[in-house]
Protein backbone atom coordinates (compact mmCIF):
# COMPACT_ATOMS: atom_id res chain seq x y z
CA MET A 1 25.32 22.81 -21.06
CA ASN A 2 22.99 20.05 -19.99
CA GLN A 3 24.65 17.77 -17.50
CA ARG A 4 24.66 14.01 -17.95
CA ILE A 5 24.91 12.49 -14.49
CA GLY A 6 25.50 8.82 -14.07
CA LYS A 7 24.24 6.35 -16.63
CA TRP A 8 20.52 7.09 -16.42
CA SER A 9 19.97 10.76 -15.75
CA LEU A 10 20.15 14.32 -17.07
CA ARG A 11 20.20 17.50 -15.03
CA PHE A 12 19.31 20.57 -17.11
CA SER A 13 21.56 23.59 -16.65
CA GLU A 14 18.85 25.73 -18.26
CA ALA A 15 15.87 23.93 -16.93
CA PRO A 16 12.55 24.26 -18.79
CA PHE A 17 9.29 25.24 -17.13
CA ILE A 18 5.80 23.86 -17.41
CA ILE A 19 3.94 27.03 -18.26
CA SER A 20 0.48 25.46 -18.60
CA GLU A 21 -1.30 22.18 -18.12
CA ALA A 22 -4.77 20.85 -18.76
CA SER A 23 -6.80 17.77 -17.83
CA ILE A 24 -9.96 16.25 -19.16
CA VAL A 25 -11.61 13.06 -17.77
CA GLY A 26 -14.64 10.85 -18.06
CA THR A 27 -17.65 10.48 -15.80
CA LYS A 28 -16.20 7.87 -13.43
CA GLU A 29 -13.07 9.93 -12.86
CA GLY A 30 -15.17 13.04 -12.40
CA GLY A 31 -17.11 11.24 -9.64
CA GLY A 32 -13.91 10.33 -7.77
CA PRO A 33 -11.94 12.11 -5.02
CA LEU A 34 -10.28 14.55 -7.45
CA GLY A 35 -13.42 15.24 -9.50
CA GLY A 36 -13.55 18.96 -8.67
CA LEU A 37 -9.96 19.58 -9.77
CA PHE A 38 -10.04 18.55 -13.41
CA ASP A 39 -10.42 21.23 -16.08
CA MET A 40 -13.22 19.33 -17.83
CA VAL A 41 -15.38 16.31 -17.05
CA GLY A 42 -17.25 14.79 -19.98
CA GLU A 43 -21.03 14.56 -19.85
CA ASP A 44 -20.67 11.01 -21.16
CA ASP A 45 -17.66 8.82 -21.90
CA LYS A 46 -18.06 9.11 -25.69
CA PHE A 47 -17.67 12.89 -25.53
CA GLY A 48 -20.27 13.25 -28.26
CA GLN A 49 -18.44 10.88 -30.62
CA ASN A 50 -19.52 7.59 -32.22
CA THR A 51 -16.80 5.30 -30.88
CA TRP A 52 -14.50 4.97 -27.86
CA GLU A 53 -11.47 5.61 -30.10
CA GLU A 54 -12.97 8.82 -31.48
CA ALA A 55 -13.80 9.87 -27.92
CA GLU A 56 -10.14 9.46 -26.92
CA SER A 57 -9.00 11.51 -29.90
CA SER A 58 -11.49 14.21 -28.91
CA MET A 59 -10.05 14.28 -25.40
CA GLN A 60 -6.52 14.80 -26.69
CA ALA A 61 -7.63 17.65 -28.96
CA ASP A 62 -9.55 19.31 -26.12
CA ALA A 63 -6.73 18.93 -23.62
CA LEU A 64 -4.15 20.46 -25.95
CA SER A 65 -6.55 23.29 -26.88
CA MET A 66 -7.05 24.06 -23.19
CA ALA A 67 -3.34 24.00 -22.45
CA LEU A 68 -2.71 26.31 -25.39
CA GLY A 69 -5.40 28.70 -24.15
CA LYS A 70 -3.92 28.83 -20.66
CA ALA A 71 -0.47 29.55 -22.11
CA LYS A 72 -1.94 32.20 -24.39
CA ARG A 73 -0.42 30.42 -27.39
CA ARG A 74 -1.71 29.25 -30.74
CA PRO A 75 -0.88 25.94 -32.44
CA GLU A 76 1.52 27.69 -34.81
CA ASP A 77 3.55 28.88 -31.78
CA ILE A 78 4.36 25.33 -30.77
CA ASP A 79 7.56 23.98 -32.29
CA TYR A 80 7.02 20.26 -31.47
CA VAL A 81 4.55 18.02 -29.76
CA PHE A 82 5.45 14.70 -28.14
CA ALA A 83 2.32 12.57 -27.75
CA GLY A 84 1.05 9.01 -27.51
CA ASP A 85 -1.63 6.67 -26.24
CA LEU A 86 -2.29 2.97 -25.64
CA LEU A 87 -3.93 2.10 -28.94
CA GLY A 88 -2.36 0.35 -31.97
CA GLN A 89 -0.38 2.76 -34.12
CA SER A 90 -1.19 5.50 -31.55
CA MET A 91 -4.45 6.12 -33.42
CA ALA A 92 -5.96 8.31 -30.70
CA THR A 93 -3.00 10.67 -31.07
CA THR A 94 -2.96 10.58 -34.87
CA PHE A 95 -6.61 11.53 -35.28
CA GLY A 96 -6.72 13.75 -32.21
CA LEU A 97 -3.80 16.02 -33.08
CA GLU A 98 -3.78 16.02 -36.89
CA LYS A 99 -5.75 19.26 -37.16
CA PHE A 100 -3.16 21.22 -35.13
CA LYS A 101 -0.49 20.80 -37.84
CA ILE A 102 2.32 20.80 -35.23
CA PRO A 103 5.50 18.76 -35.91
CA LEU A 104 4.76 15.52 -34.09
CA PHE A 105 6.89 12.86 -32.45
CA GLY A 106 4.64 9.85 -31.69
CA VAL A 107 5.65 8.18 -28.43
CA TYR A 108 4.72 4.81 -26.96
CA GLY A 109 5.62 4.00 -23.37
CA ALA A 110 2.35 2.30 -22.41
CA CYS A 111 1.12 3.86 -19.14
CA SER A 112 4.50 5.57 -18.67
CA THR A 113 3.90 7.75 -21.75
CA CYS A 114 3.31 10.94 -19.74
CA GLY A 115 6.77 10.56 -18.17
CA GLU A 116 8.31 9.80 -21.56
CA THR A 117 6.70 12.72 -23.39
CA LEU A 118 7.59 15.15 -20.60
CA SER A 119 11.17 13.84 -20.58
CA LEU A 120 11.62 14.27 -24.29
CA ALA A 121 9.87 17.65 -24.37
CA ALA A 122 12.03 18.85 -21.49
CA ALA A 123 15.25 17.69 -23.19
CA PHE A 124 14.29 19.39 -26.47
CA THR A 125 13.35 22.61 -24.68
CA ALA A 126 16.49 22.66 -22.57
CA ALA A 127 18.63 22.05 -25.66
CA GLY A 128 17.08 25.04 -27.40
CA TYR A 129 15.35 23.13 -30.19
CA GLY A 130 12.13 25.05 -29.66
CA ASP A 131 10.65 27.93 -27.70
CA TYR A 132 7.39 26.12 -26.86
CA ILE A 133 7.02 22.34 -26.85
CA ALA A 134 3.93 20.33 -25.92
CA ALA A 135 3.54 16.91 -24.28
CA VAL A 136 0.20 15.13 -24.55
CA THR A 137 -1.18 11.69 -23.71
CA SER A 138 -4.45 9.92 -23.15
CA SER A 139 -6.23 6.64 -22.39
CA HIS A 140 -9.81 5.50 -22.44
CA PHE A 141 -11.36 2.61 -20.47
CA GLY A 142 -13.58 1.53 -23.39
CA SER A 143 -10.88 1.55 -26.09
CA ALA A 144 -8.18 -0.01 -23.90
CA GLU A 145 -10.38 -2.80 -22.53
CA LYS A 146 -11.53 -3.65 -26.04
CA GLN A 147 -7.99 -3.86 -27.35
CA PHE A 148 -6.20 -5.55 -24.44
CA ARG A 149 -8.73 -7.66 -22.56
CA PHE A 150 -12.32 -8.61 -23.34
CA PRO A 151 -15.22 -7.25 -25.34
CA ASN A 152 -16.80 -4.56 -23.18
CA GLN A 153 -20.13 -6.42 -23.25
CA TYR A 154 -18.52 -9.59 -21.77
CA ALA A 155 -19.06 -8.38 -18.16
CA ASN A 156 -16.25 -10.56 -16.86
CA GLN A 157 -15.32 -10.49 -13.21
CA ARG A 158 -12.18 -8.52 -12.36
CA PRO A 159 -9.70 -9.73 -9.74
CA ILE A 160 -8.91 -7.41 -6.84
CA CYS A 161 -5.38 -6.88 -8.18
CA ALA A 162 -6.71 -5.42 -11.46
CA THR A 163 -6.51 -1.72 -12.11
CA TRP A 164 -9.12 0.41 -13.91
CA THR A 165 -7.96 2.20 -17.09
CA VAL A 166 -8.56 5.90 -16.63
CA THR A 167 -10.60 7.75 -19.23
CA GLY A 168 -8.65 10.99 -19.47
CA SER A 169 -6.11 13.14 -21.24
CA GLY A 170 -3.43 15.53 -20.01
CA ALA A 171 -1.51 18.17 -21.96
CA PHE A 172 1.46 20.32 -20.92
CA ILE A 173 3.22 23.26 -22.58
CA LEU A 174 6.93 23.66 -21.84
CA SER A 175 9.18 26.69 -22.35
CA LYS A 176 12.45 28.12 -21.13
CA ASN A 177 10.59 31.28 -20.21
CA LYS A 178 8.96 31.41 -16.83
CA LYS A 179 5.27 32.14 -16.58
CA THR A 180 4.31 34.49 -13.80
CA GLY A 181 1.78 33.41 -11.21
CA LYS A 182 -0.61 36.18 -12.26
CA ASP A 183 -1.13 34.36 -15.58
CA ALA A 184 -1.58 30.87 -14.17
CA ASP A 185 -4.99 29.26 -13.73
CA LYS A 186 -6.22 27.59 -10.54
CA LEU A 187 -3.63 29.12 -8.25
CA ASN A 188 -4.12 29.57 -4.55
CA LYS A 189 -6.72 32.32 -4.29
CA GLU A 190 -6.05 32.76 -0.58
CA SER A 191 -2.47 33.92 -1.19
CA ASP A 192 -0.63 36.26 -3.58
CA LYS A 193 2.37 33.92 -3.46
CA SER A 194 2.81 31.62 -6.45
CA TYR A 195 5.55 29.56 -7.97
CA ASP A 196 6.74 28.44 -11.38
CA VAL A 197 7.12 24.72 -12.03
CA MET A 198 10.55 23.71 -13.30
CA ILE A 199 11.71 20.35 -14.68
CA GLU A 200 15.12 20.09 -13.04
CA GLY A 201 16.08 16.79 -14.62
CA ILE A 202 15.01 13.33 -15.75
CA THR A 203 15.94 9.73 -15.13
CA THR A 204 15.22 7.38 -18.05
CA GLY A 205 14.04 3.86 -17.36
CA THR A 206 14.96 0.56 -18.87
CA VAL A 207 12.85 -2.51 -19.62
CA VAL A 208 12.48 -4.67 -16.51
CA ASP A 209 10.90 -8.12 -16.71
CA TYR A 210 10.18 -10.19 -13.55
CA GLY A 211 8.31 -12.86 -15.53
CA ILE A 212 4.79 -11.71 -14.70
CA LYS A 213 2.22 -13.17 -17.15
CA ASP A 214 -0.99 -12.01 -15.54
CA SER A 215 -2.38 -9.13 -17.66
CA MET A 216 -4.78 -8.30 -14.85
CA ASN A 217 -1.95 -7.58 -12.37
CA MET A 218 -0.30 -4.53 -13.90
CA GLY A 219 0.93 -3.31 -10.50
CA ALA A 220 3.13 -6.39 -10.10
CA ALA A 221 4.45 -6.07 -13.66
CA MET A 222 5.30 -2.35 -13.39
CA ALA A 223 6.57 -2.03 -9.81
CA PRO A 224 10.03 -3.48 -10.55
CA ALA A 225 10.57 -0.91 -13.32
CA ALA A 226 9.62 1.88 -10.93
CA CYS A 227 12.04 0.50 -8.37
CA GLU A 228 14.82 0.49 -10.97
CA VAL A 229 14.22 4.14 -11.80
CA ILE A 230 14.08 5.23 -8.14
CA VAL A 231 17.30 3.39 -7.20
CA ASN A 232 19.13 4.65 -10.29
CA HIS A 233 17.84 8.20 -9.74
CA MET A 234 19.01 8.36 -6.12
CA LYS A 235 22.43 7.07 -7.15
CA ASP A 236 22.84 9.41 -10.13
CA PHE A 237 21.64 12.54 -8.28
CA GLY A 238 23.31 11.59 -4.94
CA ARG A 239 20.05 11.95 -3.08
CA ASN A 240 17.85 10.01 -0.71
CA PRO A 241 14.04 9.80 -0.74
CA SER A 242 13.62 12.42 1.99
CA TYR A 243 14.94 15.05 -0.43
CA TYR A 244 11.50 14.98 -2.06
CA ASP A 245 8.18 15.96 -0.58
CA CYS A 246 6.75 12.95 -2.41
CA ILE A 247 7.77 10.31 -4.91
CA VAL A 248 4.76 9.89 -7.16
CA THR A 249 4.25 6.79 -9.32
CA GLY A 250 1.64 6.80 -12.03
CA ASP A 251 -0.31 3.60 -12.21
CA LEU A 252 0.65 0.99 -9.63
CA GLY A 253 -2.46 0.93 -7.46
CA GLU A 254 -2.58 -0.54 -4.02
CA VAL A 255 -0.98 -3.87 -5.02
CA GLY A 256 1.85 -2.28 -6.95
CA HIS A 257 2.44 0.26 -4.14
CA THR A 258 3.09 -2.51 -1.64
CA ILE A 259 5.40 -4.37 -4.01
CA LEU A 260 7.35 -1.20 -4.89
CA VAL A 261 8.01 -0.26 -1.26
CA ASP A 262 9.25 -3.79 -0.52
CA LEU A 263 11.47 -3.93 -3.63
CA CYS A 264 13.06 -0.57 -2.84
CA ARG A 265 13.74 -1.60 0.73
CA GLN A 266 15.50 -4.71 -0.53
CA LYS A 267 17.83 -2.40 -2.49
CA GLY A 268 18.48 -0.16 0.49
CA VAL A 269 16.10 2.67 -0.46
CA ASP A 270 13.16 3.30 1.90
CA ILE A 271 10.37 5.27 0.18
CA SER A 272 7.61 4.30 2.58
CA ASN A 273 7.19 7.88 3.90
CA GLU A 274 7.33 9.58 0.51
CA HIS A 275 5.56 7.28 -1.90
CA GLU A 276 2.19 8.24 -3.42
CA ASP A 277 0.44 6.83 -6.48
CA CYS A 278 -1.82 8.57 -8.98
CA GLY A 279 -3.78 5.36 -9.48
CA ILE A 280 -4.67 5.31 -5.79
CA LYS A 281 -5.62 9.01 -5.67
CA ILE A 282 -7.91 9.19 -8.71
CA PHE A 283 -10.55 6.67 -7.54
CA ASP A 284 -12.36 5.72 -4.36
CA ALA A 285 -11.51 2.06 -4.90
CA VAL A 286 -14.15 0.73 -2.51
CA ASN A 287 -17.13 2.87 -3.47
CA GLN A 288 -16.25 3.05 -7.17
CA ASN A 289 -15.39 -0.66 -7.55
CA THR A 290 -12.04 0.01 -9.25
CA GLY A 291 -10.06 -2.80 -7.68
CA SER A 292 -6.45 -1.90 -6.96
CA GLY A 293 -6.81 1.63 -8.44
CA GLY A 294 -6.36 3.49 -11.67
CA SER A 295 -3.98 2.99 -14.59
CA GLY A 296 -3.58 4.03 -18.24
CA CYS A 297 -1.69 6.92 -19.83
CA GLY A 298 -4.38 9.33 -18.73
CA CYS A 299 -4.10 8.39 -15.06
CA SER A 300 -0.72 9.97 -14.24
CA ALA A 301 -1.23 12.77 -16.78
CA THR A 302 -4.56 14.01 -15.39
CA VAL A 303 -3.53 13.66 -11.73
CA LEU A 304 -0.28 15.49 -12.38
CA ALA A 305 -2.05 18.31 -14.20
CA SER A 306 -4.96 18.68 -11.79
CA TYR A 307 -3.47 17.83 -8.37
CA TYR A 308 0.30 17.88 -8.12
CA ILE A 309 1.26 20.81 -10.39
CA PRO A 310 -1.27 23.15 -8.71
CA LYS A 311 0.25 22.15 -5.35
CA LEU A 312 3.68 23.06 -6.66
CA ARG A 313 2.38 26.36 -8.01
CA ARG A 314 0.91 27.20 -4.60
CA GLY A 315 4.12 26.21 -2.81
CA GLU A 316 2.43 23.39 -0.87
CA LEU A 317 4.99 21.07 -2.44
CA LYS A 318 8.57 22.08 -3.28
CA LYS A 319 10.09 19.05 -4.99
CA ILE A 320 8.57 15.85 -6.33
CA LEU A 321 9.89 12.89 -8.28
CA PHE A 322 7.19 11.90 -10.80
CA ILE A 323 7.44 8.35 -12.16
CA PRO A 324 4.72 7.08 -14.53
CA THR A 325 4.93 3.34 -15.06
CA GLY A 326 4.05 1.24 -18.10
CA ALA A 327 3.34 -2.42 -18.90
CA LEU A 328 4.81 -3.27 -22.31
CA LEU A 329 2.39 -5.96 -23.45
CA SER A 330 0.33 -6.19 -26.60
CA PRO A 331 -2.57 -8.43 -27.59
CA VAL A 332 -0.10 -10.38 -29.76
CA SER A 333 2.51 -10.87 -27.04
CA PHE A 334 -0.13 -11.84 -24.47
CA ASN A 335 -1.83 -14.34 -26.77
CA GLU A 336 1.56 -15.93 -27.57
CA GLY A 337 2.21 -16.45 -23.83
CA ASP A 338 4.93 -13.87 -23.39
CA THR A 339 5.64 -12.10 -20.15
CA VAL A 340 4.61 -8.51 -19.32
CA PRO A 341 7.77 -6.37 -19.11
CA GLY A 342 7.59 -3.00 -17.42
CA ILE A 343 9.19 0.42 -17.89
CA ALA A 344 9.12 3.71 -16.00
CA HIS A 345 10.44 7.24 -16.50
CA GLY A 346 11.36 9.76 -13.80
CA VAL A 347 10.84 13.53 -14.02
CA VAL A 348 12.02 15.91 -11.29
CA LEU A 349 9.57 18.78 -10.72
CA GLU A 350 10.49 21.77 -8.56
CA ALA A 351 8.59 24.85 -7.42
CA CYS A 352 10.56 28.05 -8.06
CA ASP A 353 9.75 31.50 -6.69
CA ASN A 354 8.62 33.45 -9.75
CA ASN A 355 9.65 36.73 -8.15
CA LYS A 356 13.33 35.75 -8.27
């Protein structure tokens, strides 16, 4: 049976595995520090489409197709897909995945959506509700900026605390069945040793609101939610931060990173040696003029798929706590003067020897 531990967490007695993952990004992301690791970099940020929104849908379709190909599965083999994006009514997901004809659960967790889709897919897989379940998410700088901030032609100045919405999509296929290292793509070619990637458990977040009203300072809005998940996770699992090789947040950037470390220390949890952030890794903030770093659903999804999971498969990392973070604002709530609440979701990823 799956084990409920504490108020916030699940530990899976029959833990599911991520048997394939895929990442696709835009030109700016492809020119960043991780550019050589993504499965696909678009030739332009419209990906051959007419609008930013169509481009985002195209990314989702391509990412899921690539993940299916790596897993040697067809759309009809997938029992469910959990997917979402940042746009109103999750339109990138709707139009991107409609052709696959897979039973769909649309998910909205803002920039935490990768953590939420993986959590739900893992729970469904562990419970035996499907043999193969997919998790997909995306974001696009053009579509997100148009919806949440200013017209793209406005050319407004961005404060240093602002993050840059990642143009990208990540897709993951989960199963109870291990996938051998011989079948996996992008494994360590210098060694015959490879590992399966297991989702040991999850810690679900709650809405946390510190009264932030600055829509340009997403790191400050989301860091308290990440802190809540980390503290609750350590309590539920009876662990301390050093248990993990790294604790990876999704979208905080440099500003949010500093706030998170301070908040956790105030609650007696020191993550200063373990904390890393996908938003910091995906861009060269100075040379690419991306302010505090990257954000958006596609930020954590593409960095997890291209950077962290391959490290787990090669055995360079053994255990990580992955925590995408989201800012739960909308154009309506912002224009009405509401605060920007945050949420985060934790996923425990572990490298397992596939020969055992």
